[in-house]
N, C-alpha and C. Protein backbone atom coordinates (compact mmCIF):
# COMPACT_ATOMS: atom_id res chain seq x y z
N UNK A 1 -89.69 -55.66 79.85
CA UNK A 1 -89.06 -56.03 78.60
C UNK A 1 -87.96 -57.06 78.83
N UNK A 2 -87.12 -56.81 79.85
CA UNK A 2 -86.02 -57.73 80.11
C UNK A 2 -86.55 -59.11 80.48
N UNK A 3 -87.61 -59.14 81.26
CA UNK A 3 -88.19 -60.44 81.66
C UNK A 3 -88.75 -61.18 80.45
N UNK A 4 -89.37 -60.47 79.51
CA UNK A 4 -89.92 -61.11 78.32
C UNK A 4 -88.80 -61.72 77.48
N UNK A 5 -87.70 -61.00 77.35
CA UNK A 5 -86.56 -61.53 76.61
C UNK A 5 -86.03 -62.80 77.29
N UNK A 6 -85.90 -62.73 78.61
CA UNK A 6 -85.39 -63.88 79.36
C UNK A 6 -86.32 -65.09 79.22
N UNK A 7 -87.64 -64.84 79.29
CA UNK A 7 -88.62 -65.93 79.15
C UNK A 7 -88.57 -66.56 77.77
N UNK A 8 -88.11 -65.81 76.77
CA UNK A 8 -88.00 -66.32 75.41
C UNK A 8 -86.62 -66.90 75.13
N UNK A 9 -85.83 -67.14 76.17
CA UNK A 9 -84.58 -67.85 76.01
C UNK A 9 -83.34 -66.99 75.81
N UNK A 10 -83.48 -65.66 75.88
CA UNK A 10 -82.31 -64.80 75.73
C UNK A 10 -81.57 -64.69 77.06
N UNK A 11 -80.26 -64.59 76.98
CA UNK A 11 -79.44 -64.35 78.16
C UNK A 11 -79.02 -62.89 78.14
N UNK A 12 -79.25 -62.20 79.25
CA UNK A 12 -78.91 -60.78 79.34
C UNK A 12 -77.67 -60.60 80.18
N UNK A 13 -76.70 -59.87 79.65
CA UNK A 13 -75.45 -59.59 80.34
C UNK A 13 -75.15 -58.11 80.23
N UNK A 14 -74.42 -57.57 81.21
CA UNK A 14 -73.99 -56.18 81.14
C UNK A 14 -72.55 -56.16 80.65
N UNK A 15 -72.28 -55.33 79.67
CA UNK A 15 -70.97 -55.27 79.03
C UNK A 15 -70.27 -53.96 79.40
N UNK A 16 -69.00 -53.86 79.08
CA UNK A 16 -68.20 -52.64 79.25
C UNK A 16 -68.09 -52.19 80.69
N UNK A 17 -67.71 -53.10 81.59
CA UNK A 17 -67.57 -52.72 82.99
C UNK A 17 -66.40 -51.79 83.24
N UNK A 18 -65.59 -51.53 82.25
CA UNK A 18 -64.42 -50.69 82.50
C UNK A 18 -64.57 -49.24 82.11
N UNK A 19 -65.75 -48.82 81.64
CA UNK A 19 -65.82 -47.44 81.16
C UNK A 19 -67.15 -46.80 81.50
N UNK A 20 -67.11 -45.48 81.69
CA UNK A 20 -68.32 -44.67 81.84
C UNK A 20 -69.21 -45.10 82.98
N UNK A 21 -70.51 -44.84 82.81
CA UNK A 21 -71.48 -45.08 83.87
C UNK A 21 -71.79 -46.55 84.07
N UNK A 22 -71.34 -47.42 83.18
CA UNK A 22 -71.59 -48.85 83.37
C UNK A 22 -70.44 -49.53 84.09
N UNK A 23 -69.44 -48.76 84.51
CA UNK A 23 -68.29 -49.41 85.14
C UNK A 23 -68.68 -50.03 86.47
N UNK A 24 -68.00 -51.09 86.81
CA UNK A 24 -68.26 -51.80 88.06
C UNK A 24 -68.08 -50.87 89.25
N UNK A 25 -67.09 -49.99 89.19
CA UNK A 25 -66.87 -49.06 90.30
C UNK A 25 -68.08 -48.18 90.54
N UNK A 26 -68.69 -47.66 89.46
CA UNK A 26 -69.87 -46.81 89.60
C UNK A 26 -71.02 -47.61 90.19
N UNK A 27 -71.22 -48.82 89.71
CA UNK A 27 -72.30 -49.66 90.24
C UNK A 27 -72.07 -49.99 91.70
N UNK A 28 -70.83 -50.29 92.07
CA UNK A 28 -70.52 -50.60 93.46
C UNK A 28 -70.72 -49.38 94.36
N UNK A 29 -70.33 -48.20 93.87
CA UNK A 29 -70.53 -46.97 94.64
C UNK A 29 -72.02 -46.74 94.88
N UNK A 30 -72.85 -46.95 93.85
CA UNK A 30 -74.29 -46.76 94.03
C UNK A 30 -74.84 -47.76 95.04
N UNK A 31 -74.38 -49.01 94.95
CA UNK A 31 -74.83 -50.05 95.88
C UNK A 31 -74.43 -49.70 97.31
N UNK A 32 -73.21 -49.24 97.49
CA UNK A 32 -72.73 -48.85 98.82
C UNK A 32 -73.56 -47.69 99.35
N UNK A 33 -73.83 -46.70 98.50
CA UNK A 33 -74.67 -45.57 98.91
C UNK A 33 -76.06 -46.03 99.33
N UNK A 34 -76.67 -46.88 98.52
CA UNK A 34 -78.01 -47.36 98.83
C UNK A 34 -78.05 -48.08 100.17
N UNK A 35 -77.06 -48.92 100.42
CA UNK A 35 -77.03 -49.67 101.67
C UNK A 35 -76.71 -48.76 102.87
N UNK A 36 -75.88 -47.77 102.66
CA UNK A 36 -75.59 -46.82 103.74
C UNK A 36 -76.83 -46.04 104.12
N UNK A 37 -77.58 -45.57 103.12
CA UNK A 37 -78.82 -44.84 103.38
C UNK A 37 -79.82 -45.76 104.08
N UNK A 38 -79.97 -46.97 103.58
CA UNK A 38 -80.89 -47.93 104.18
C UNK A 38 -80.53 -48.22 105.64
N UNK A 39 -79.24 -48.41 105.89
CA UNK A 39 -78.79 -48.70 107.24
C UNK A 39 -79.07 -47.53 108.18
N UNK A 40 -78.83 -46.30 107.73
CA UNK A 40 -79.08 -45.14 108.58
C UNK A 40 -80.57 -45.01 108.89
N UNK A 41 -81.42 -45.33 107.91
CA UNK A 41 -82.87 -45.29 108.14
C UNK A 41 -83.29 -46.35 109.15
N UNK A 42 -82.75 -47.56 109.01
CA UNK A 42 -83.09 -48.64 109.94
C UNK A 42 -82.65 -48.34 111.36
N UNK A 43 -81.55 -47.60 111.49
CA UNK A 43 -81.05 -47.23 112.82
C UNK A 43 -81.69 -45.96 113.35
N UNK A 44 -82.52 -45.31 112.54
CA UNK A 44 -83.18 -44.08 112.97
C UNK A 44 -82.24 -42.89 113.01
N UNK A 45 -81.21 -42.91 112.18
CA UNK A 45 -80.24 -41.83 112.13
C UNK A 45 -80.50 -40.94 110.92
N UNK A 46 -80.22 -39.67 111.05
CA UNK A 46 -80.27 -38.78 109.89
C UNK A 46 -79.01 -38.99 109.06
N UNK A 47 -79.05 -38.53 107.82
CA UNK A 47 -77.90 -38.71 106.95
C UNK A 47 -77.70 -37.46 106.11
N UNK A 48 -76.47 -36.99 106.06
CA UNK A 48 -76.10 -35.84 105.24
C UNK A 48 -75.02 -36.28 104.27
N UNK A 49 -75.33 -36.20 102.96
CA UNK A 49 -74.34 -36.52 101.94
C UNK A 49 -73.62 -35.23 101.56
N UNK A 50 -72.33 -35.24 101.63
CA UNK A 50 -71.52 -34.07 101.30
C UNK A 50 -70.89 -34.23 99.93
N UNK A 51 -70.63 -33.12 99.28
CA UNK A 51 -69.86 -33.13 98.05
C UNK A 51 -70.66 -33.31 96.78
N UNK A 52 -71.97 -33.10 96.81
CA UNK A 52 -72.78 -33.22 95.59
C UNK A 52 -72.45 -32.05 94.67
N UNK A 53 -72.05 -32.36 93.45
CA UNK A 53 -71.64 -31.32 92.51
C UNK A 53 -72.52 -31.25 91.27
N UNK A 54 -73.31 -32.27 91.00
CA UNK A 54 -74.11 -32.27 89.78
C UNK A 54 -75.58 -32.57 90.08
N UNK A 55 -76.43 -32.19 89.13
CA UNK A 55 -77.86 -32.46 89.24
C UNK A 55 -78.11 -33.97 89.32
N UNK A 56 -77.33 -34.74 88.57
CA UNK A 56 -77.48 -36.19 88.55
C UNK A 56 -77.16 -36.80 89.92
N UNK A 57 -76.11 -36.31 90.57
CA UNK A 57 -75.76 -36.81 91.90
C UNK A 57 -76.86 -36.51 92.90
N UNK A 58 -77.40 -35.29 92.85
CA UNK A 58 -78.48 -34.90 93.75
C UNK A 58 -79.71 -35.77 93.50
N UNK A 59 -80.03 -36.01 92.23
CA UNK A 59 -81.19 -36.84 91.88
C UNK A 59 -81.01 -38.27 92.39
N UNK A 60 -79.82 -38.82 92.25
CA UNK A 60 -79.55 -40.17 92.73
C UNK A 60 -79.72 -40.25 94.24
N UNK A 61 -79.15 -39.29 94.95
CA UNK A 61 -79.25 -39.28 96.41
C UNK A 61 -80.70 -39.14 96.85
N UNK A 62 -81.47 -38.33 96.14
CA UNK A 62 -82.89 -38.20 96.45
C UNK A 62 -83.61 -39.51 96.17
N UNK A 63 -83.29 -40.13 95.07
CA UNK A 63 -83.93 -41.39 94.67
C UNK A 63 -83.71 -42.50 95.69
N UNK A 64 -82.54 -42.55 96.29
CA UNK A 64 -82.26 -43.62 97.25
C UNK A 64 -82.65 -43.23 98.67
N UNK A 65 -83.24 -42.04 98.85
CA UNK A 65 -83.80 -41.66 100.14
C UNK A 65 -82.88 -40.94 101.09
N UNK A 66 -81.83 -40.31 100.59
CA UNK A 66 -80.91 -39.56 101.45
C UNK A 66 -81.64 -38.34 102.03
N UNK A 67 -81.50 -38.13 103.35
CA UNK A 67 -82.21 -37.06 104.04
C UNK A 67 -81.78 -35.66 103.60
N UNK A 68 -80.49 -35.43 103.59
CA UNK A 68 -79.95 -34.09 103.31
C UNK A 68 -78.73 -34.20 102.41
N UNK A 69 -78.57 -33.20 101.55
CA UNK A 69 -77.46 -33.19 100.61
C UNK A 69 -76.85 -31.79 100.61
N UNK A 70 -75.55 -31.71 100.58
CA UNK A 70 -74.89 -30.42 100.46
C UNK A 70 -73.74 -30.55 99.47
N UNK A 71 -73.35 -29.42 98.92
CA UNK A 71 -72.22 -29.43 98.00
C UNK A 71 -72.27 -28.27 97.03
N UNK A 72 -71.30 -28.22 96.14
CA UNK A 72 -71.16 -27.13 95.18
C UNK A 72 -72.37 -27.00 94.26
N UNK A 73 -73.15 -28.08 94.11
CA UNK A 73 -74.34 -27.99 93.26
C UNK A 73 -75.26 -26.88 93.78
N UNK A 74 -75.34 -26.75 95.08
CA UNK A 74 -76.23 -25.76 95.69
C UNK A 74 -75.54 -24.41 95.85
N UNK A 75 -74.32 -24.41 96.35
CA UNK A 75 -73.56 -23.17 96.55
C UNK A 75 -72.14 -23.51 96.94
N UNK A 76 -71.25 -22.62 96.59
CA UNK A 76 -69.86 -22.77 97.00
C UNK A 76 -69.71 -22.24 98.43
N UNK A 77 -68.65 -22.63 99.14
CA UNK A 77 -68.43 -22.08 100.49
C UNK A 77 -68.43 -20.56 100.44
N UNK A 78 -68.99 -19.94 101.49
CA UNK A 78 -69.12 -18.48 101.51
C UNK A 78 -69.05 -17.98 102.94
N UNK A 79 -68.77 -16.70 103.09
CA UNK A 79 -68.76 -16.11 104.44
C UNK A 79 -70.17 -16.19 105.05
N UNK A 80 -70.22 -16.17 106.36
CA UNK A 80 -71.47 -16.30 107.10
C UNK A 80 -72.52 -15.27 106.67
N UNK A 81 -72.12 -14.02 106.50
CA UNK A 81 -73.08 -12.97 106.11
C UNK A 81 -73.73 -13.29 104.76
N UNK A 82 -72.94 -13.73 103.80
CA UNK A 82 -73.48 -14.09 102.49
C UNK A 82 -74.45 -15.27 102.60
N UNK A 83 -74.11 -16.23 103.47
CA UNK A 83 -74.98 -17.39 103.66
C UNK A 83 -76.35 -16.96 104.18
N UNK A 84 -76.35 -16.08 105.19
CA UNK A 84 -77.62 -15.66 105.76
C UNK A 84 -78.44 -14.86 104.75
N UNK A 85 -77.79 -14.08 103.90
CA UNK A 85 -78.50 -13.36 102.84
C UNK A 85 -79.11 -14.33 101.84
N UNK A 86 -78.36 -15.34 101.47
CA UNK A 86 -78.86 -16.37 100.56
C UNK A 86 -80.04 -17.11 101.18
N UNK A 87 -79.94 -17.43 102.45
CA UNK A 87 -81.01 -18.11 103.16
C UNK A 87 -82.27 -17.25 103.22
N UNK A 88 -82.11 -15.96 103.50
CA UNK A 88 -83.26 -15.04 103.52
C UNK A 88 -83.93 -14.98 102.14
N UNK A 89 -83.12 -14.86 101.12
CA UNK A 89 -83.64 -14.80 99.75
C UNK A 89 -84.40 -16.07 99.40
N UNK A 90 -83.83 -17.22 99.79
CA UNK A 90 -84.45 -18.51 99.50
C UNK A 90 -85.80 -18.65 100.20
N UNK A 91 -85.90 -18.09 101.39
CA UNK A 91 -87.15 -18.19 102.17
C UNK A 91 -88.10 -17.02 101.94
N UNK A 92 -87.69 -16.12 101.05
CA UNK A 92 -88.56 -14.99 100.71
C UNK A 92 -88.70 -13.97 101.82
N UNK A 93 -87.66 -13.81 102.61
CA UNK A 93 -87.71 -12.87 103.75
C UNK A 93 -87.10 -11.54 103.33
């Protein structure tokens, strides 16, 4: 759609760089994440993203190819015994 508009003489610009999900900071953070993931893959390194708190963050990290993600989205910090019980439950043991 964007290409058709451009071919018909329209100029497309992104507005409102100072607010919400269209802010330049958010776009730059996504770009930095994408390049970090790409670089780790090119170097043959694994990558663990820490601090994922929302479904959207996890989806973005998955979309850009991040190997592993951890954070409050999955579980809050817990004692070792609780972790192993959660792990057993998750694996159906």
